[in-house]
Amino acid sequence: MKKFILSAAIIALTTVAFAQTNETQAPEQATATAAQDSTTSTKVELTALPEAVKTTLTSDAYKAWTATEAYLVKENGKEYYQINVTKEEEKGSVKINVDGTPAS
């Protein structure tokens, strides 16, 4: 139950953060750059995600969610994947490091 609540909180917080920085992008190879904080976001095909990230998405914490799209985010020297997910009517997103651990 703790994992579920923690996962829900992470998803809620990342959804708010992502909604504030999301820009309309071309569906192919979209890259958004915010000049003030040197953050880039590049769309990635779900099949091209690293195995560690795919494994995390199939873990108990996320198995009820379906990944819909993913972005490789480079922010202040750090890289992580921002993955948009859905579960029935709910929408959210999660941040996962390249090694499969939750990003902060």
Protein backbone atom coordinates (compact mmCIF):
# COMPACT_ATOMS: atom_id res chain seq x y z
CA MET A 1 0.00 0.00 0.00
CA LYS A 2 2.90 2.35 0.80
CA LYS A 3 4.36 1.80 -2.66
CA PHE A 4 1.03 2.55 -4.27
CA ILE A 5 0.58 5.79 -2.32
CA LEU A 6 4.18 6.80 -3.00
CA SER A 7 3.76 6.00 -6.70
CA ALA A 8 0.52 7.96 -6.86
CA ALA A 9 2.20 10.95 -5.18
CA ILE A 10 5.16 10.81 -7.57
CA ILE A 11 2.87 10.58 -10.56
CA ALA A 12 0.75 13.48 -9.34
CA LEU A 13 3.79 15.68 -8.73
CA THR A 14 5.48 14.84 -12.02
CA THR A 15 2.24 15.38 -13.91
CA VAL A 16 1.99 18.91 -12.53
CA ALA A 17 5.65 19.61 -13.27
CA PHE A 18 5.42 18.16 -16.78
CA ALA A 19 2.19 20.03 -17.55
CA GLN A 20 3.92 23.32 -16.75
CA THR A 21 6.83 22.68 -19.11
CA ASN A 22 5.11 20.76 -21.91
CA GLU A 23 5.18 22.37 -25.35
CA THR A 24 3.35 21.38 -28.53
CA GLN A 25 5.79 19.41 -30.61
CA ALA A 26 6.06 17.66 -33.97
CA PRO A 27 5.41 13.93 -33.53
CA GLU A 28 8.63 12.69 -35.17
CA GLN A 29 11.81 13.92 -33.45
CA ALA A 30 10.63 16.65 -31.11
CA THR A 31 13.11 18.63 -29.05
CA ALA A 32 12.17 21.44 -26.70
CA THR A 33 14.76 23.67 -25.09
CA ALA A 34 14.12 26.09 -22.28
CA ALA A 35 16.89 28.69 -22.40
CA GLN A 36 16.66 29.71 -18.76
CA ASP A 37 17.48 26.28 -17.30
CA SER A 38 19.17 24.47 -20.23
CA THR A 39 16.69 21.59 -20.24
CA THR A 40 16.14 19.54 -23.38
CA SER A 41 13.45 16.97 -24.00
CA THR A 42 13.67 14.54 -26.93
CA LYS A 43 10.85 12.16 -27.83
CA VAL A 44 11.86 8.48 -27.70
CA GLU A 45 10.01 5.47 -29.06
CA LEU A 46 8.81 3.18 -26.26
CA THR A 47 10.56 0.24 -27.93
CA ALA A 48 13.86 2.15 -27.77
CA LEU A 49 13.82 2.60 -23.97
CA PRO A 50 16.72 0.98 -22.09
CA GLU A 51 15.97 -2.47 -20.65
CA ALA A 52 16.34 -1.15 -17.08
CA VAL A 53 13.60 1.42 -17.73
CA LYS A 54 11.34 -1.19 -19.35
CA THR A 55 11.85 -3.47 -16.35
CA THR A 56 10.89 -0.68 -13.96
CA LEU A 57 7.71 0.02 -15.96
CA THR A 58 6.67 -3.64 -15.60
CA SER A 59 7.36 -3.72 -11.84
CA ASP A 60 4.52 -3.93 -9.29
CA ALA A 61 4.53 -0.16 -8.76
CA TYR A 62 3.71 0.58 -12.41
CA LYS A 63 2.26 -2.62 -13.90
CA ALA A 64 -1.34 -1.29 -13.80
CA TRP A 65 -0.26 1.72 -15.89
CA THR A 66 0.28 1.78 -19.66
CA ALA A 67 3.13 3.84 -21.10
CA THR A 68 1.90 6.09 -23.93
CA GLU A 69 4.98 8.15 -24.83
CA ALA A 70 8.48 8.80 -23.55
CA TYR A 71 10.99 11.63 -23.60
CA LEU A 72 14.70 11.68 -22.80
CA VAL A 73 15.20 14.75 -20.63
CA LYS A 74 18.61 16.33 -20.12
CA GLU A 75 18.56 18.79 -17.25
CA ASN A 76 21.53 20.37 -15.48
CA GLY A 77 23.90 17.53 -16.41
CA LYS A 78 21.40 14.78 -15.50
CA GLU A 79 19.53 12.47 -17.87
CA TYR A 80 16.25 10.69 -17.19
CA TYR A 81 13.20 9.44 -19.04
CA GLN A 82 9.87 11.24 -18.62
CA ILE A 83 7.24 8.62 -19.42
CA ASN A 84 3.58 9.51 -19.84
CA VAL A 85 1.27 6.79 -18.54
CA THR A 86 -2.45 6.06 -18.41
CA LYS A 87 -4.70 3.80 -16.34
CA GLU A 88 -8.32 3.78 -17.49
CA GLU A 89 -9.33 7.46 -17.22
CA GLU A 90 -6.28 8.56 -15.21
CA LYS A 91 -3.21 10.13 -16.83
CA GLY A 92 0.17 10.78 -15.32
CA SER A 93 3.89 10.63 -15.91
CA VAL A 94 6.90 9.16 -14.19
CA LYS A 95 10.58 10.05 -14.22
CA ILE A 96 12.98 7.12 -14.42
CA ASN A 97 16.77 7.28 -14.57
CA VAL A 98 18.65 5.45 -17.32
CA ASP A 99 19.54 2.72 -14.77
CA GLY A 100 15.85 2.13 -13.96
CA THR A 101 15.74 3.92 -10.60
CA PRO A 102 13.15 6.65 -9.92
CA ALA A 103 14.49 10.10 -10.82
CA SER A 104 14.11 12.97 -8.39
